[in-house]
Amino acid sequence: MATLRKLGRETSHRKAMLRNQVTSLLRNGRIETTVTRAKETQRMTEKMITLAKKGDLHARRQVLSYVYDEDVVKDLFENIAPKYAERSGGYTRVLKVGPRRGDGAEMAIIELV
């Protein structure tokens, strides 16, 4: 199993944060966050899109157990996943945009390809 980045958060906070980021990314198509959070969000988003490509009821329920918004899940299965039918991975990209002004954290934009 691949190691998980802890992101300086307790387990419940980290899981909730990643679920929120995946939901926001699928809703908006792109979000801006730190590089390490973007990489973790990328991992989970790719898994959700792969599940949505299966398109069956079990996959829908698995995605619903992770993504907060039912409208986002509906959009994922009806619009987003069919776009990637011919693609076997690499549904998102992380673009580094430089340091954040306040604390100098390395920032990135993660977007759907």
Protein backbone atom coordinates (compact mmCIF):
# COMPACT_ATOMS: atom_id res chain seq x y z
CA MET A 1 0.00 0.00 0.00
CA ALA A 2 1.26 3.45 -0.86
CA THR A 3 2.14 5.74 2.02
CA LEU A 4 -0.25 8.53 2.83
CA ARG A 5 0.93 12.06 3.51
CA LYS A 6 -0.23 13.24 6.93
CA LEU A 7 -0.38 16.93 5.96
CA GLY A 8 0.06 18.04 9.57
CA ARG A 9 -3.52 17.09 10.45
CA GLU A 10 -5.22 14.53 12.64
CA THR A 11 -6.75 11.61 10.76
CA SER A 12 -10.36 12.80 10.85
CA HIS A 13 -9.41 16.35 9.83
CA ARG A 14 -7.19 15.11 7.00
CA LYS A 15 -9.89 12.79 5.63
CA ALA A 16 -12.54 15.52 5.77
CA MET A 17 -10.22 18.03 4.10
CA LEU A 18 -9.37 15.65 1.25
CA ARG A 19 -13.04 14.75 0.76
CA ASN A 20 -13.87 18.46 0.55
CA GLN A 21 -11.07 19.09 -1.93
CA VAL A 22 -12.06 16.19 -4.17
CA THR A 23 -15.68 17.36 -4.11
CA SER A 24 -14.64 20.94 -4.96
CA LEU A 25 -12.34 19.79 -7.76
CA LEU A 26 -15.06 17.68 -9.36
CA ARG A 27 -17.57 20.52 -8.98
CA ASN A 28 -15.39 23.35 -10.31
CA GLY A 29 -12.84 21.61 -12.54
CA ARG A 30 -9.87 23.28 -10.83
CA ILE A 31 -8.77 24.44 -7.37
CA GLU A 32 -5.73 26.18 -5.92
CA THR A 33 -4.03 24.65 -2.90
CA THR A 34 -0.56 23.70 -1.64
CA VAL A 35 1.50 21.25 -3.69
CA THR A 36 1.35 18.40 -1.16
CA ARG A 37 -2.42 18.74 -0.72
CA ALA A 38 -2.80 18.86 -4.50
CA LYS A 39 -0.88 15.60 -4.89
CA GLU A 40 -3.05 13.84 -2.30
CA THR A 41 -6.20 15.29 -3.85
CA GLN A 42 -4.99 14.06 -7.24
CA ARG A 43 -4.67 10.49 -5.94
CA MET A 44 -8.22 10.38 -4.61
CA THR A 45 -9.77 12.20 -7.58
CA GLU A 46 -8.21 9.70 -9.98
CA LYS A 47 -9.70 6.85 -7.93
CA MET A 48 -13.17 8.46 -8.00
CA ILE A 49 -13.06 8.97 -11.78
CA THR A 50 -11.88 5.39 -12.30
CA LEU A 51 -14.81 4.14 -10.21
CA ALA A 52 -17.21 6.38 -12.15
CA LYS A 53 -15.95 4.93 -15.44
CA LYS A 54 -17.26 1.52 -14.31
CA GLY A 55 -20.70 3.11 -14.12
CA ASP A 56 -22.47 0.41 -12.08
CA LEU A 57 -24.50 0.83 -8.91
CA HIS A 58 -21.76 -0.50 -6.63
CA ALA A 59 -19.25 2.03 -8.00
CA ARG A 60 -21.81 4.85 -7.58
CA ARG A 61 -22.33 3.89 -3.94
CA GLN A 62 -18.59 3.73 -3.34
CA VAL A 63 -18.18 7.25 -4.77
CA LEU A 64 -21.18 8.50 -2.76
CA SER A 65 -19.51 7.19 0.40
CA TYR A 66 -16.54 9.50 -0.28
CA VAL A 67 -17.85 12.57 -2.16
CA TYR A 68 -20.14 14.80 -0.10
CA ASP A 69 -22.46 16.23 -2.78
CA GLU A 70 -24.95 14.01 -4.64
CA ASP A 71 -25.17 16.51 -7.51
CA VAL A 72 -21.40 16.26 -7.99
CA VAL A 73 -21.63 12.44 -8.09
CA LYS A 74 -24.43 12.63 -10.66
CA ASP A 75 -22.34 15.01 -12.79
CA LEU A 76 -19.29 12.76 -12.36
CA PHE A 77 -21.11 9.69 -13.67
CA GLU A 78 -23.06 11.45 -16.45
CA ASN A 79 -20.57 14.03 -17.78
CA ILE A 80 -17.03 13.75 -16.41
CA ALA A 81 -16.38 9.99 -16.55
CA PRO A 82 -17.59 9.52 -20.18
CA LYS A 83 -15.05 12.17 -21.29
CA TYR A 84 -12.27 9.91 -20.01
CA ALA A 85 -13.63 6.62 -21.43
CA GLU A 86 -10.66 6.19 -23.80
CA ARG A 87 -8.10 7.33 -21.23
CA SER A 88 -6.46 4.91 -18.80
CA GLY A 89 -5.43 7.28 -16.00
CA GLY A 90 -3.96 10.76 -15.81
CA TYR A 91 -7.27 12.61 -15.46
CA THR A 92 -5.81 15.51 -13.48
CA ARG A 93 -2.76 17.76 -13.68
CA VAL A 94 -0.91 19.71 -11.00
CA LEU A 95 0.63 23.02 -12.03
CA LYS A 96 2.98 24.75 -9.59
CA VAL A 97 2.35 28.50 -9.29
CA GLY A 98 5.00 29.64 -6.79
CA PRO A 99 5.09 30.49 -3.10
CA ARG A 100 2.13 31.82 -1.12
CA ARG A 101 2.59 35.39 0.03
CA GLY A 102 1.81 34.90 3.72
CA ASP A 103 3.94 31.93 4.70
CA GLY A 104 5.86 31.01 1.56
CA ALA A 105 4.14 27.63 1.11
CA GLU A 106 4.57 26.25 -2.41
CA MET A 107 1.19 26.64 -4.17
CA ALA A 108 -0.29 24.68 -7.05
CA ILE A 109 -3.38 24.54 -9.23
CA ILE A 110 -4.93 21.11 -9.72
CA GLU A 111 -7.33 20.75 -12.63
CA LEU A 112 -9.12 18.11 -14.65
CA VAL A 113 -7.37 17.46 -17.96
